[in-house]
Amino acid sequence: METYSMDRSKLQELAKELAKDLKTQADLSALTSELVKLTVETALNAELTAHLGYDRHQERVGKNARNGTSSKRVKGNHGEVVMIPLGIAMAHLSQHYYPSIKPA
């Protein structure tokens, strides 16, 4: 199995900065979950970009296309990660915080 080589000093700088806002165990758990989620989303988007041959919001190359988004569940060593596309997440948050506003 191939191991990932990382710049430990960069990770320590990031951890030090993020730790400033942590006050409770729940804060640490939320941060950990969000970091796993962002890492998985970034990796999957990079894989899709490599497969299709073009970045998001660029003109497509060939017949393959990014044709929509949907939520996804990914299970791994760190538990289950649910990835919700930004548009769906924003619609959900809007309905939660502003229930009087109805989608068009």
N, C-alpha and C. Protein backbone atom coordinates (compact mmCIF):
# COMPACT_ATOMS: atom_id res chain seq x y z
N MET A 1 0.84 -1.18 0.00
CA MET A 1 0.00 0.00 0.00
C MET A 1 0.88 1.25 0.00
N GLU A 2 0.58 2.17 -0.89
CA GLU A 2 1.35 3.40 -1.00
C GLU A 2 0.98 4.36 0.12
N THR A 3 1.98 5.02 0.69
CA THR A 3 1.70 5.98 1.75
C THR A 3 1.74 7.39 1.19
N TYR A 4 0.98 8.27 1.81
CA TYR A 4 0.92 9.65 1.38
C TYR A 4 2.02 10.44 2.08
N SER A 5 2.80 11.18 1.33
CA SER A 5 3.86 12.01 1.89
C SER A 5 3.30 13.42 2.07
N MET A 6 3.37 13.93 3.30
CA MET A 6 2.82 15.25 3.56
C MET A 6 3.86 16.13 4.24
N ASP A 7 3.66 17.40 4.11
CA ASP A 7 4.53 18.37 4.76
C ASP A 7 4.01 18.57 6.18
N ARG A 8 4.65 17.90 7.13
CA ARG A 8 4.19 17.92 8.52
C ARG A 8 4.19 19.33 9.11
N SER A 9 5.15 20.15 8.73
CA SER A 9 5.21 21.51 9.28
C SER A 9 4.00 22.34 8.83
N LYS A 10 3.55 22.16 7.59
CA LYS A 10 2.35 22.86 7.12
C LYS A 10 1.12 22.38 7.89
N LEU A 11 1.05 21.07 8.13
CA LEU A 11 -0.08 20.54 8.89
C LEU A 11 -0.08 21.06 10.32
N GLN A 12 1.10 21.18 10.92
CA GLN A 12 1.19 21.70 12.28
C GLN A 12 0.76 23.16 12.34
N GLU A 13 1.13 23.94 11.34
CA GLU A 13 0.69 25.35 11.28
C GLU A 13 -0.83 25.43 11.16
N LEU A 14 -1.38 24.61 10.30
CA LEU A 14 -2.83 24.58 10.12
C LEU A 14 -3.53 24.15 11.41
N ALA A 15 -3.02 23.11 12.04
CA ALA A 15 -3.62 22.61 13.29
C ALA A 15 -3.56 23.67 14.38
N LYS A 16 -2.44 24.38 14.47
CA LYS A 16 -2.30 25.44 15.48
C LYS A 16 -3.33 26.54 15.25
N GLU A 17 -3.52 26.92 14.02
CA GLU A 17 -4.50 27.97 13.69
C GLU A 17 -5.92 27.50 13.99
N LEU A 18 -6.25 26.28 13.59
CA LEU A 18 -7.60 25.77 13.81
C LEU A 18 -7.89 25.53 15.29
N ALA A 19 -6.88 25.15 16.05
CA ALA A 19 -7.06 24.85 17.47
C ALA A 19 -7.44 26.08 18.28
N LYS A 20 -7.16 27.25 17.77
CA LYS A 20 -7.48 28.49 18.49
C LYS A 20 -8.98 28.61 18.79
N ASP A 21 -9.82 28.07 17.90
CA ASP A 21 -11.27 28.19 18.05
C ASP A 21 -11.91 27.02 18.79
N LEU A 22 -11.12 26.02 19.15
CA LEU A 22 -11.67 24.84 19.80
C LEU A 22 -11.80 25.07 21.30
N LYS A 23 -13.01 24.88 21.80
CA LYS A 23 -13.25 25.06 23.23
C LYS A 23 -13.73 23.77 23.91
N THR A 24 -14.37 22.90 23.16
CA THR A 24 -14.96 21.69 23.74
C THR A 24 -14.63 20.48 22.88
N GLN A 25 -14.95 19.30 23.42
CA GLN A 25 -14.79 18.05 22.66
C GLN A 25 -15.69 18.08 21.43
N ALA A 26 -16.88 18.66 21.57
CA ALA A 26 -17.81 18.77 20.43
C ALA A 26 -17.21 19.62 19.32
N ASP A 27 -16.51 20.70 19.69
CA ASP A 27 -15.83 21.54 18.69
C ASP A 27 -14.79 20.73 17.93
N LEU A 28 -14.01 19.92 18.67
CA LEU A 28 -12.99 19.09 18.04
C LEU A 28 -13.63 18.05 17.11
N SER A 29 -14.71 17.44 17.54
CA SER A 29 -15.40 16.45 16.71
C SER A 29 -15.95 17.09 15.44
N ALA A 30 -16.54 18.27 15.58
CA ALA A 30 -17.09 18.97 14.41
C ALA A 30 -15.98 19.34 13.42
N LEU A 31 -14.86 19.83 13.95
CA LEU A 31 -13.73 20.18 13.09
C LEU A 31 -13.20 18.95 12.37
N THR A 32 -13.03 17.86 13.09
CA THR A 32 -12.53 16.62 12.50
C THR A 32 -13.44 16.14 11.38
N SER A 33 -14.74 16.14 11.64
CA SER A 33 -15.71 15.71 10.62
C SER A 33 -15.64 16.59 9.39
N GLU A 34 -15.57 17.89 9.60
CA GLU A 34 -15.53 18.82 8.47
C GLU A 34 -14.24 18.67 7.67
N LEU A 35 -13.11 18.45 8.34
CA LEU A 35 -11.85 18.25 7.62
C LEU A 35 -11.88 16.97 6.78
N VAL A 36 -12.43 15.90 7.34
CA VAL A 36 -12.55 14.65 6.58
C VAL A 36 -13.45 14.88 5.37
N LYS A 37 -14.58 15.54 5.58
CA LYS A 37 -15.52 15.81 4.50
C LYS A 37 -14.87 16.64 3.39
N LEU A 38 -14.20 17.72 3.76
CA LEU A 38 -13.55 18.58 2.77
C LEU A 38 -12.46 17.84 2.02
N THR A 39 -11.71 17.00 2.71
CA THR A 39 -10.64 16.24 2.07
C THR A 39 -11.21 15.24 1.06
N VAL A 40 -12.27 14.54 1.45
CA VAL A 40 -12.89 13.57 0.54
C VAL A 40 -13.49 14.29 -0.66
N GLU A 41 -14.21 15.39 -0.44
CA GLU A 41 -14.81 16.14 -1.55
C GLU A 41 -13.73 16.64 -2.51
N THR A 42 -12.64 17.17 -1.97
CA THR A 42 -11.56 17.68 -2.80
C THR A 42 -10.93 16.56 -3.62
N ALA A 43 -10.70 15.42 -2.99
CA ALA A 43 -10.10 14.28 -3.69
C ALA A 43 -11.03 13.78 -4.81
N LEU A 44 -12.32 13.66 -4.51
CA LEU A 44 -13.26 13.19 -5.52
C LEU A 44 -13.39 14.17 -6.69
N ASN A 45 -13.39 15.46 -6.38
CA ASN A 45 -13.45 16.46 -7.46
C ASN A 45 -12.18 16.43 -8.31
N ALA A 46 -11.02 16.23 -7.67
CA ALA A 46 -9.77 16.13 -8.42
C ALA A 46 -9.77 14.89 -9.31
N GLU A 47 -10.31 13.80 -8.79
CA GLU A 47 -10.40 12.56 -9.58
C GLU A 47 -11.32 12.76 -10.78
N LEU A 48 -12.44 13.42 -10.58
CA LEU A 48 -13.37 13.67 -11.67
C LEU A 48 -12.74 14.59 -12.72
N THR A 49 -12.03 15.62 -12.25
CA THR A 49 -11.35 16.53 -13.17
C THR A 49 -10.31 15.77 -14.00
N ALA A 50 -9.54 14.90 -13.36
CA ALA A 50 -8.54 14.12 -14.09
C ALA A 50 -9.20 13.18 -15.10
N HIS A 51 -10.31 12.58 -14.71
CA HIS A 51 -11.01 11.64 -15.59
C HIS A 51 -11.61 12.35 -16.80
N LEU A 52 -12.25 13.50 -16.56
CA LEU A 52 -12.94 14.22 -17.64
C LEU A 52 -11.99 15.07 -18.47
N GLY A 53 -10.89 15.51 -17.86
CA GLY A 53 -9.92 16.31 -18.60
C GLY A 53 -10.17 17.80 -18.56
N TYR A 54 -11.08 18.26 -17.70
CA TYR A 54 -11.30 19.70 -17.57
C TYR A 54 -11.86 20.01 -16.18
N ASP A 55 -11.60 21.25 -15.73
CA ASP A 55 -12.06 21.68 -14.41
C ASP A 55 -13.53 22.05 -14.43
N ARG A 56 -14.09 22.12 -13.25
CA ARG A 56 -15.47 22.55 -13.07
C ARG A 56 -15.64 23.96 -13.66
N HIS A 57 -16.73 24.20 -14.31
CA HIS A 57 -17.09 25.49 -14.91
C HIS A 57 -16.27 25.82 -16.16
N GLN A 58 -15.49 24.88 -16.65
CA GLN A 58 -14.81 25.07 -17.92
C GLN A 58 -15.61 24.37 -19.01
N GLU A 59 -15.36 24.76 -20.24
CA GLU A 59 -16.03 24.10 -21.36
C GLU A 59 -15.58 22.65 -21.42
N ARG A 60 -16.53 21.75 -21.64
CA ARG A 60 -16.18 20.34 -21.62
C ARG A 60 -15.33 19.94 -22.81
N VAL A 61 -14.57 18.89 -22.61
CA VAL A 61 -13.71 18.34 -23.64
C VAL A 61 -14.28 16.98 -24.00
N GLY A 62 -14.67 16.78 -25.23
CA GLY A 62 -15.24 15.50 -25.65
C GLY A 62 -16.68 15.35 -25.22
N LYS A 63 -17.13 14.10 -25.10
CA LYS A 63 -18.53 13.82 -24.79
C LYS A 63 -18.81 13.73 -23.29
N ASN A 64 -17.79 13.47 -22.48
CA ASN A 64 -18.00 13.38 -21.04
C ASN A 64 -18.33 14.75 -20.47
N ALA A 65 -19.26 14.77 -19.53
CA ALA A 65 -19.68 16.06 -18.97
C ALA A 65 -19.97 15.94 -17.48
N ARG A 66 -19.83 17.05 -16.81
CA ARG A 66 -20.29 17.17 -15.42
C ARG A 66 -21.76 17.55 -15.55
N ASN A 67 -22.62 16.61 -15.33
CA ASN A 67 -24.04 16.87 -15.60
C ASN A 67 -24.88 16.82 -14.34
N GLY A 68 -24.58 17.71 -13.42
CA GLY A 68 -25.38 17.79 -12.21
C GLY A 68 -24.65 17.26 -11.00
N THR A 69 -25.30 17.44 -9.87
CA THR A 69 -24.71 16.99 -8.61
C THR A 69 -25.80 16.36 -7.76
N SER A 70 -25.37 15.54 -6.86
CA SER A 70 -26.30 14.94 -5.91
C SER A 70 -25.53 14.66 -4.63
N SER A 71 -26.27 14.46 -3.55
CA SER A 71 -25.58 14.15 -2.30
C SER A 71 -25.00 12.74 -2.38
N LYS A 72 -23.94 12.52 -1.62
CA LYS A 72 -23.26 11.22 -1.62
C LYS A 72 -22.88 10.84 -0.20
N ARG A 73 -22.85 9.55 0.06
CA ARG A 73 -22.38 9.02 1.35
C ARG A 73 -21.13 8.21 1.09
N VAL A 74 -20.09 8.50 1.84
CA VAL A 74 -18.84 7.77 1.71
C VAL A 74 -18.51 7.21 3.09
N LYS A 75 -18.31 5.89 3.15
CA LYS A 75 -17.96 5.25 4.42
C LYS A 75 -16.49 4.87 4.40
N GLY A 76 -15.80 5.18 5.50
CA GLY A 76 -14.37 4.88 5.58
C GLY A 76 -13.95 4.67 7.01
N ASN A 77 -12.65 4.68 7.23
CA ASN A 77 -12.09 4.49 8.56
C ASN A 77 -12.52 5.56 9.55
N HIS A 78 -12.85 6.73 9.07
CA HIS A 78 -13.24 7.84 9.94
C HIS A 78 -14.75 7.95 10.08
N GLY A 79 -15.46 6.92 9.67
CA GLY A 79 -16.92 6.95 9.76
C GLY A 79 -17.54 7.30 8.42
N GLU A 80 -18.79 7.70 8.47
CA GLU A 80 -19.53 8.03 7.25
C GLU A 80 -19.50 9.53 7.02
N VAL A 81 -19.22 9.92 5.78
CA VAL A 81 -19.20 11.33 5.39
C VAL A 81 -20.34 11.53 4.40
N VAL A 82 -21.19 12.52 4.69
CA VAL A 82 -22.28 12.86 3.78
C VAL A 82 -21.91 14.16 3.10
N MET A 83 -21.82 14.12 1.79
CA MET A 83 -21.48 15.30 1.01
C MET A 83 -22.73 15.82 0.32
N ILE A 84 -23.07 17.06 0.62
CA ILE A 84 -24.26 17.68 0.05
C ILE A 84 -23.80 18.80 -0.87
N PRO A 85 -24.24 18.83 -2.12
CA PRO A 85 -23.85 19.90 -3.03
C PRO A 85 -24.25 21.26 -2.47
N LEU A 86 -23.45 22.27 -2.76
CA LEU A 86 -23.65 23.60 -2.20
C LEU A 86 -25.05 24.13 -2.46
N GLY A 87 -25.59 23.98 -3.65
CA GLY A 87 -26.92 24.50 -3.96
C GLY A 87 -28.00 23.87 -3.10
N ILE A 88 -27.91 22.56 -2.91
CA ILE A 88 -28.89 21.86 -2.07
C ILE A 88 -28.73 22.28 -0.62
N ALA A 89 -27.48 22.40 -0.17
CA ALA A 89 -27.22 22.80 1.21
C ALA A 89 -27.75 24.20 1.47
N MET A 90 -27.54 25.11 0.53
CA MET A 90 -28.01 26.48 0.71
C MET A 90 -29.54 26.54 0.72
N ALA A 91 -30.19 25.74 -0.12
CA ALA A 91 -31.65 25.70 -0.13
C ALA A 91 -32.18 25.19 1.20
N HIS A 92 -31.53 24.16 1.73
CA HIS A 92 -31.94 23.60 3.02
C HIS A 92 -31.75 24.64 4.14
N LEU A 93 -30.60 25.30 4.16
CA LEU A 93 -30.35 26.31 5.18
C LEU A 93 -31.33 27.47 5.07
N SER A 94 -31.60 27.88 3.84
CA SER A 94 -32.56 28.98 3.65
C SER A 94 -33.91 28.61 4.20
N GLN A 95 -34.37 27.39 3.93
CA GLN A 95 -35.68 26.96 4.43
C GLN A 95 -35.66 26.83 5.94
N HIS A 96 -34.52 26.45 6.51
CA HIS A 96 -34.42 26.30 7.95
C HIS A 96 -34.46 27.66 8.65
N TYR A 97 -33.67 28.61 8.14
CA TYR A 97 -33.57 29.91 8.79
C TYR A 97 -34.63 30.91 8.34
N TYR A 98 -35.14 30.72 7.15
CA TYR A 98 -36.15 31.63 6.61
C TYR A 98 -37.34 30.82 6.07
N PRO A 99 -38.12 30.20 6.96
CA PRO A 99 -39.19 29.32 6.51
C PRO A 99 -40.29 30.03 5.71
N SER A 100 -40.40 31.33 5.84
CA SER A 100 -41.45 32.03 5.10
C SER A 100 -41.11 32.18 3.61
N ILE A 101 -39.83 32.00 3.27
CA ILE A 101 -39.41 32.09 1.86
C ILE A 101 -39.56 30.72 1.23
N LYS A 102 -40.33 30.64 0.17
CA LYS A 102 -40.56 29.37 -0.53
C LYS A 102 -39.76 29.36 -1.83
N PRO A 103 -39.16 28.22 -2.18
CA PRO A 103 -38.42 28.13 -3.44
C PRO A 103 -39.33 28.38 -4.63
N ALA A 104 -38.76 28.96 -5.69
CA ALA A 104 -39.54 29.26 -6.91
C ALA A 104 -39.86 28.02 -7.67
